[in-house]
């Protein structure tokens, strides 16, 4: 099955990426969407994280009893220079929390700059960066052996090719991990796109 080539195939990013005799079978842009599993998780985590950071700053500044302030021996307003500087240590955590809260905004902006295509040789992802530029990745038949489809009620959805796990330790030495999903995200008619990948790349001889 070959999809009708939609307007995004006229995108100037496509032609320079194609190799000799490579044909585009399908191309489309993702449906701009603010939320997915990752953005929801980030927002839910950011609410208590940011709230605690704000609470800590208020306490360190002596605005909340028990952590400082006049007559309490803490680093509040009566603490001189430290009373002014100490609360500032919490600002980076507030900024991190606000960044996580805004994840849906950045995710939507990235989708609006992204483009997906299926050729007779590979699947191509043009992933837009928030602050400009584009990252291009190619995925061959061997990279598509295991697909995960997440379909929504309107027929759009995600096709996940792989998950890349990143592990690190934070400033306190605690182990952290994040998982990045790679694939066609928020595409229209996701079931048909999956079928096209199977028909033309994963198992073309089964048709």
C-alpha atoms as a PDB file:
ATOM      1  CA  UNK A   1       0.000   0.000   0.000  1.00  0.00           C
ATOM      2  CA  UNK A   2       1.343   3.398  -0.996  1.00  0.00           C
ATOM      3  CA  UNK A   3       0.004   6.532   0.601  1.00  0.00           C
ATOM      4  CA  UNK A   4      -0.956   9.582  -1.399  1.00  0.00           C
ATOM      5  CA  UNK A   5       1.951  11.966  -1.038  1.00  0.00           C
ATOM      6  CA  UNK A   6       0.699  14.957   0.875  1.00  0.00           C
ATOM      7  CA  UNK A   7       1.795  18.577   0.674  1.00  0.00           C
ATOM      8  CA  UNK A   8       4.650  18.131   3.173  1.00  0.00           C
ATOM      9  CA  UNK A   9       6.571  16.239   0.478  1.00  0.00           C
ATOM     10  CA  UNK A  10       7.146  19.647  -1.073  1.00  0.00           C
ATOM     11  CA  UNK A  11       9.031  20.615   2.063  1.00  0.00           C
ATOM     12  CA  UNK A  12      12.491  21.809   0.942  1.00  0.00           C
ATOM     13  CA  UNK A  13      14.133  19.578   3.545  1.00  0.00           C
ATOM     14  CA  UNK A  14      13.170  16.368   1.745  1.00  0.00           C
ATOM     15  CA  UNK A  15      14.880  16.540  -1.644  1.00  0.00           C
ATOM     16  CA  UNK A  16      18.451  17.140  -0.375  1.00  0.00           C
ATOM     17  CA  UNK A  17      18.122  14.145   1.945  1.00  0.00           C
ATOM     18  CA  UNK A  18      17.166  11.611  -0.745  1.00  0.00           C
ATOM     19  CA  UNK A  19      19.761   9.360  -2.339  1.00  0.00           C
ATOM     20  CA  UNK A  20      19.967   8.378  -6.008  1.00  0.00           C
ATOM     21  CA  UNK A  21      16.759   6.682  -7.182  1.00  0.00           C
ATOM     22  CA  UNK A  22      15.237   6.847  -3.693  1.00  0.00           C
ATOM     23  CA  UNK A  23      11.474   7.406  -3.848  1.00  0.00           C
ATOM     24  CA  UNK A  24       9.234   9.044  -1.269  1.00  0.00           C
ATOM     25  CA  UNK A  25       6.160   6.898  -0.577  1.00  0.00           C
ATOM     26  CA  UNK A  26       4.627   8.984   2.183  1.00  0.00           C
ATOM     27  CA  UNK A  27       5.373  12.140   4.093  1.00  0.00           C
ATOM     28  CA  UNK A  28       3.473  14.164   6.635  1.00  0.00           C
ATOM     29  CA  UNK A  29       3.884  16.483   9.567  1.00  0.00           C
ATOM     30  CA  UNK A  30       2.819  15.485  13.081  1.00  0.00           C
ATOM     31  CA  UNK A  31      -0.395  16.820  14.529  1.00  0.00           C
ATOM     32  CA  UNK A  32       0.652  19.614  16.933  1.00  0.00           C
ATOM     33  CA  UNK A  33      -0.123  18.330  20.389  1.00  0.00           C
ATOM     34  CA  UNK A  34       0.907  19.651  23.795  1.00  0.00           C
ATOM     35  CA  UNK A  35       0.655  16.485  25.858  1.00  0.00           C
ATOM     36  CA  UNK A  36       1.961  12.965  25.740  1.00  0.00           C
ATOM     37  CA  UNK A  37       3.059  10.515  28.409  1.00  0.00           C
ATOM     38  CA  UNK A  38       6.420  12.231  28.937  1.00  0.00           C
ATOM     39  CA  UNK A  39       5.058  15.775  29.173  1.00  0.00           C
ATOM     40  CA  UNK A  40       2.308  14.765  31.593  1.00  0.00           C
ATOM     41  CA  UNK A  41       4.867  13.057  33.835  1.00  0.00           C
ATOM     42  CA  UNK A  42       7.109  16.126  33.735  1.00  0.00           C
ATOM     43  CA  UNK A  43       4.267  18.464  34.672  1.00  0.00           C
ATOM     44  CA  UNK A  44       3.031  16.247  37.500  1.00  0.00           C
ATOM     45  CA  UNK A  45       6.551  15.995  38.934  1.00  0.00           C
ATOM     46  CA  UNK A  46       7.228  19.719  38.529  1.00  0.00           C
ATOM     47  CA  UNK A  47       4.269  20.863  40.639  1.00  0.00           C
ATOM     48  CA  UNK A  48       5.483  19.557  44.039  1.00  0.00           C
ATOM     49  CA  UNK A  49       9.126  20.144  43.034  1.00  0.00           C
ATOM     50  CA  UNK A  50       8.536  23.830  42.273  1.00  0.00           C
ATOM     51  CA  UNK A  51       6.219  24.246  45.247  1.00  0.00           C
ATOM     52  CA  UNK A  52       8.855  22.920  47.634  1.00  0.00           C
ATOM     53  CA  UNK A  53      11.529  25.182  46.099  1.00  0.00           C
ATOM     54  CA  UNK A  54       9.311  28.250  46.532  1.00  0.00           C
ATOM     55  CA  UNK A  55       8.474  27.196  50.088  1.00  0.00           C
ATOM     56  CA  UNK A  56      12.180  26.771  50.867  1.00  0.00           C
ATOM     57  CA  UNK A  57      13.042  30.235  49.518  1.00  0.00           C
ATOM     58  CA  UNK A  58      10.221  31.815  51.511  1.00  0.00           C
ATOM     59  CA  UNK A  59      11.410  30.056  54.656  1.00  0.00           C
ATOM     60  CA  UNK A  60      15.044  30.949  54.074  1.00  0.00           C
ATOM     61  CA  UNK A  61      14.045  34.572  53.589  1.00  0.00           C
ATOM     62  CA  UNK A  62      12.172  34.550  56.884  1.00  0.00           C
ATOM     63  CA  UNK A  63       8.743  34.866  55.304  1.00  0.00           C
ATOM     64  CA  UNK A  64       7.648  31.565  56.852  1.00  0.00           C
ATOM     65  CA  UNK A  65       8.245  30.772  60.488  1.00  0.00           C
ATOM     66  CA  UNK A  66      10.564  27.969  61.528  1.00  0.00           C
ATOM     67  CA  UNK A  67      13.281  28.454  58.928  1.00  0.00           C
ATOM     68  CA  UNK A  68      14.600  31.877  59.739  1.00  0.00           C
ATOM     69  CA  UNK A  69      13.510  35.421  60.310  1.00  0.00           C
ATOM     70  CA  UNK A  70      13.792  37.917  63.124  1.00  0.00           C
ATOM     71  CA  UNK A  71      14.442  36.385  66.505  1.00  0.00           C
ATOM     72  CA  UNK A  72      14.639  32.825  65.193  1.00  0.00           C
ATOM     73  CA  UNK A  73      18.387  32.648  64.614  1.00  0.00           C
ATOM     74  CA  UNK A  74      17.926  31.666  61.012  1.00  0.00           C
ATOM     75  CA  UNK A  75      19.169  33.170  57.790  1.00  0.00           C
ATOM     76  CA  UNK A  76      16.165  35.457  57.392  1.00  0.00           C
ATOM     77  CA  UNK A  77      16.097  39.227  56.980  1.00  0.00           C
ATOM     78  CA  UNK A  78      17.859  39.703  60.323  1.00  0.00           C
ATOM     79  CA  UNK A  79      20.811  37.646  59.079  1.00  0.00           C
ATOM     80  CA  UNK A  80      22.494  40.469  57.202  1.00  0.00           C
ATOM     81  CA  UNK A  81      24.163  39.570  53.941  1.00  0.00           C
ATOM     82  CA  UNK A  82      23.473  35.861  54.392  1.00  0.00           C
ATOM     83  CA  UNK A  83      19.830  36.664  54.962  1.00  0.00           C
ATOM     84  CA  UNK A  84      19.780  38.165  51.490  1.00  0.00           C
ATOM     85  CA  UNK A  85      22.054  35.747  49.649  1.00  0.00           C
ATOM     86  CA  UNK A  86      21.021  32.404  51.160  1.00  0.00           C
ATOM     87  CA  UNK A  87      17.478  32.361  49.703  1.00  0.00           C
ATOM     88  CA  UNK A  88      18.944  32.874  46.229  1.00  0.00           C
ATOM     89  CA  UNK A  89      20.331  29.326  46.299  1.00  0.00           C
ATOM     90  CA  UNK A  90      16.774  28.109  45.748  1.00  0.00           C
ATOM     91  CA  UNK A  91      16.242  30.077  42.540  1.00  0.00           C
ATOM     92  CA  UNK A  92      17.878  27.502  40.209  1.00  0.00           C
ATOM     93  CA  UNK A  93      15.455  24.868  41.518  1.00  0.00           C
ATOM     94  CA  UNK A  94      12.511  27.167  40.853  1.00  0.00           C
ATOM     95  CA  UNK A  95      13.759  27.746  37.308  1.00  0.00           C
ATOM     96  CA  UNK A  96      14.153  23.989  36.747  1.00  0.00           C
ATOM     97  CA  UNK A  97      10.615  23.446  38.018  1.00  0.00           C
ATOM     98  CA  UNK A  98       9.207  26.148  35.753  1.00  0.00           C
ATOM     99  CA  UNK A  99      11.100  24.587  32.849  1.00  0.00           C
ATOM    100  CA  UNK A 100       9.464  21.227  33.530  1.00  0.00           C
ATOM    101  CA  UNK A 101       6.059  22.895  33.793  1.00  0.00           C
ATOM    102  CA  UNK A 102       6.565  24.403  30.343  1.00  0.00           C
ATOM    103  CA  UNK A 103       7.474  21.034  28.772  1.00  0.00           C
ATOM    104  CA  UNK A 104       4.134  20.819  26.885  1.00  0.00           C
ATOM    105  CA  UNK A 105       4.868  24.189  25.241  1.00  0.00           C
ATOM    106  CA  UNK A 106       8.319  23.105  24.031  1.00  0.00           C
ATOM    107  CA  UNK A 107       6.984  19.716  22.929  1.00  0.00           C
ATOM    108  CA  UNK A 108       4.276  21.328  20.806  1.00  0.00           C
ATOM    109  CA  UNK A 109       6.774  23.762  19.236  1.00  0.00           C
ATOM    110  CA  UNK A 110       9.115  20.898  18.394  1.00  0.00           C
ATOM    111  CA  UNK A 111       6.319  18.921  16.735  1.00  0.00           C
ATOM    112  CA  UNK A 112       5.354  21.899  14.583  1.00  0.00           C
ATOM    113  CA  UNK A 113       8.895  21.928  13.156  1.00  0.00           C
ATOM    114  CA  UNK A 114       9.111  18.174  12.638  1.00  0.00           C
ATOM    115  CA  UNK A 115       8.521  16.092   9.523  1.00  0.00           C
ATOM    116  CA  UNK A 116       8.279  12.352   8.838  1.00  0.00           C
ATOM    117  CA  UNK A 117       8.729  10.380   5.629  1.00  0.00           C
ATOM    118  CA  UNK A 118       8.750   6.800   4.390  1.00  0.00           C
ATOM    119  CA  UNK A 119      10.803   6.018   1.300  1.00  0.00           C
ATOM    120  CA  UNK A 120      11.408   2.757  -0.499  1.00  0.00           C
ATOM    121  CA  UNK A 121      14.570   2.346   1.618  1.00  0.00           C
ATOM    122  CA  UNK A 122      14.040   3.845   5.077  1.00  0.00           C
ATOM    123  CA  UNK A 123      12.000   5.917   7.484  1.00  0.00           C
ATOM    124  CA  UNK A 124      13.273   9.463   7.978  1.00  0.00           C
ATOM    125  CA  UNK A 125      12.641  11.793  10.888  1.00  0.00           C
ATOM    126  CA  UNK A 126      13.293  15.511  10.748  1.00  0.00           C
ATOM    127  CA  UNK A 127      13.037  16.632  14.356  1.00  0.00           C
ATOM    128  CA  UNK A 128      12.779  20.353  14.913  1.00  0.00           C
ATOM    129  CA  UNK A 129      14.699  21.968  17.736  1.00  0.00           C
ATOM    130  CA  UNK A 130      12.971  24.523  19.951  1.00  0.00           C
ATOM    131  CA  UNK A 131      15.525  27.237  19.261  1.00  0.00           C
ATOM    132  CA  UNK A 132      16.129  26.486  15.604  1.00  0.00           C
ATOM    133  CA  UNK A 133      17.869  23.837  13.553  1.00  0.00           C
ATOM    134  CA  UNK A 134      16.800  20.322  12.633  1.00  0.00           C
ATOM    135  CA  UNK A 135      18.109  16.882  13.523  1.00  0.00           C
ATOM    136  CA  UNK A 136      17.709  14.249  10.803  1.00  0.00           C
ATOM    137  CA  UNK A 137      17.761  10.525  11.568  1.00  0.00           C
ATOM    138  CA  UNK A 138      17.315   7.510   9.288  1.00  0.00           C
ATOM    139  CA  UNK A 139      15.801   4.214  10.381  1.00  0.00           C
ATOM    140  CA  UNK A 140      16.276   1.146   8.212  1.00  0.00           C
ATOM    141  CA  UNK A 141      14.284  -2.081   8.165  1.00  0.00           C
ATOM    142  CA  UNK A 142      16.490  -3.647  10.851  1.00  0.00           C
ATOM    143  CA  UNK A 143      15.698  -0.693  13.134  1.00  0.00           C
ATOM    144  CA  UNK A 144      11.949  -1.211  12.743  1.00  0.00           C
ATOM    145  CA  UNK A 145      11.656  -4.854  13.754  1.00  0.00           C
ATOM    146  CA  UNK A 146       9.631  -4.024  16.849  1.00  0.00           C
ATOM    147  CA  UNK A 147       7.077  -1.239  16.523  1.00  0.00           C
ATOM    148  CA  UNK A 148       4.766  -0.009  19.252  1.00  0.00           C
ATOM    149  CA  UNK A 149       1.608   1.759  18.139  1.00  0.00           C
ATOM    150  CA  UNK A 150      -0.371   4.050  20.419  1.00  0.00           C
ATOM    151  CA  UNK A 151      -3.617   5.054  18.770  1.00  0.00           C
ATOM    152  CA  UNK A 152      -6.058   7.751  19.860  1.00  0.00           C
ATOM    153  CA  UNK A 153      -9.786   7.962  19.240  1.00  0.00           C
ATOM    154  CA  UNK A 154      -9.317  10.314  16.257  1.00  0.00           C
ATOM    155  CA  UNK A 155      -7.014   7.837  14.500  1.00  0.00           C
ATOM    156  CA  UNK A 156      -3.823   9.765  15.182  1.00  0.00           C
ATOM    157  CA  UNK A 157      -1.109   8.357  17.402  1.00  0.00           C
ATOM    158  CA  UNK A 158       2.520   7.413  17.941  1.00  0.00           C
ATOM    159  CA  UNK A 159       4.728   4.780  16.339  1.00  0.00           C
ATOM    160  CA  UNK A 160       7.670   4.094  18.623  1.00  0.00           C
ATOM    161  CA  UNK A 161      10.745   2.588  16.934  1.00  0.00           C
ATOM    162  CA  UNK A 162      12.991   2.421  19.985  1.00  0.00           C
ATOM    163  CA  UNK A 163      13.561   3.735  23.489  1.00  0.00           C
ATOM    164  CA  UNK A 164      16.881   5.231  24.501  1.00  0.00           C
ATOM    165  CA  UNK A 165      17.652   5.189  28.190  1.00  0.00           C
ATOM    166  CA  UNK A 166      19.953   7.704  29.803  1.00  0.00           C
ATOM    167  CA  UNK A 167      21.315   7.265  33.321  1.00  0.00           C
ATOM    168  CA  UNK A 168      23.188   9.785  35.441  1.00  0.00           C
ATOM    169  CA  UNK A 169      23.729  10.920  39.016  1.00  0.00           C
ATOM    170  CA  UNK A 170      22.538  14.240  40.317  1.00  0.00           C
ATOM    171  CA  UNK A 171      24.437  16.596  42.594  1.00  0.00           C
ATOM    172  CA  UNK A 172      23.472  14.534  45.638  1.00  0.00           C
ATOM    173  CA  UNK A 173      24.775  11.336  44.059  1.00  0.00           C
ATOM    174  CA  UNK A 174      21.291   9.888  43.555  1.00  0.00           C
ATOM    175  CA  UNK A 175      20.777   7.740  40.463  1.00  0.00           C
ATOM    176  CA  UNK A 176      18.499   9.243  37.830  1.00  0.00           C
ATOM    177  CA  UNK A 177      17.196   7.933  34.530  1.00  0.00           C
ATOM    178  CA  UNK A 178      15.197   9.215  31.610  1.00  0.00           C
ATOM    179  CA  UNK A 179      13.805   7.462  28.553  1.00  0.00           C
ATOM    180  CA  UNK A 180      13.594   9.069  25.137  1.00  0.00           C
ATOM    181  CA  UNK A 181      11.157   7.572  22.635  1.00  0.00           C
ATOM    182  CA  UNK A 182      12.189   7.631  18.983  1.00  0.00           C
ATOM    183  CA  UNK A 183       9.679   7.301  16.175  1.00  0.00           C
ATOM    184  CA  UNK A 184       6.789   8.937  14.357  1.00  0.00           C
ATOM    185  CA  UNK A 185       5.017  10.902  17.067  1.00  0.00           C
ATOM    186  CA  UNK A 186       1.471  12.242  16.808  1.00  0.00           C
ATOM    187  CA  UNK A 187       0.966  11.275  13.164  1.00  0.00           C
ATOM    188  CA  UNK A 188      -2.466  11.246  11.488  1.00  0.00           C
ATOM    189  CA  UNK A 189      -3.859   7.801  10.569  1.00  0.00           C
ATOM    190  CA  UNK A 190      -1.229   6.016  12.618  1.00  0.00           C
ATOM    191  CA  UNK A 191      -2.542   2.527  11.739  1.00  0.00           C
ATOM    192  CA  UNK A 192      -2.080   3.177   8.023  1.00  0.00           C
ATOM    193  CA  UNK A 193       1.420   4.541   8.588  1.00  0.00           C
ATOM    194  CA  UNK A 194       2.318   1.384  10.506  1.00  0.00           C
ATOM    195  CA  UNK A 195       0.965  -0.730   7.664  1.00  0.00           C
ATOM    196  CA  UNK A 196       3.059   1.212   5.151  1.00  0.00           C
ATOM    197  CA  UNK A 197       6.209   0.569   7.176  1.00  0.00           C
ATOM    198  CA  UNK A 198       5.438  -3.162   7.207  1.00  0.00           C
ATOM    199  CA  UNK A 199       4.520  -3.333   3.525  1.00  0.00           C
ATOM    200  CA  UNK A 200       7.485  -1.434   2.155  1.00  0.00           C
ATOM    201  CA  UNK A 201      10.301  -1.801   4.651  1.00  0.00           C
ATOM    202  CA  UNK A 202       9.856  -4.424   7.369  1.00  0.00           C
ATOM    203  CA  UNK A 203       8.392  -7.273   5.310  1.00  0.00           C
ATOM    204  CA  UNK A 204       7.862  -6.148   1.714  1.00  0.00           C
ATOM    205  CA  UNK A 205       7.758  -9.710   0.375  1.00  0.00           C
ATOM    206  CA  UNK A 206       4.721 -10.615   2.475  1.00  0.00           C
ATOM    207  CA  UNK A 207       2.351  -8.522   0.404  1.00  0.00           C
END
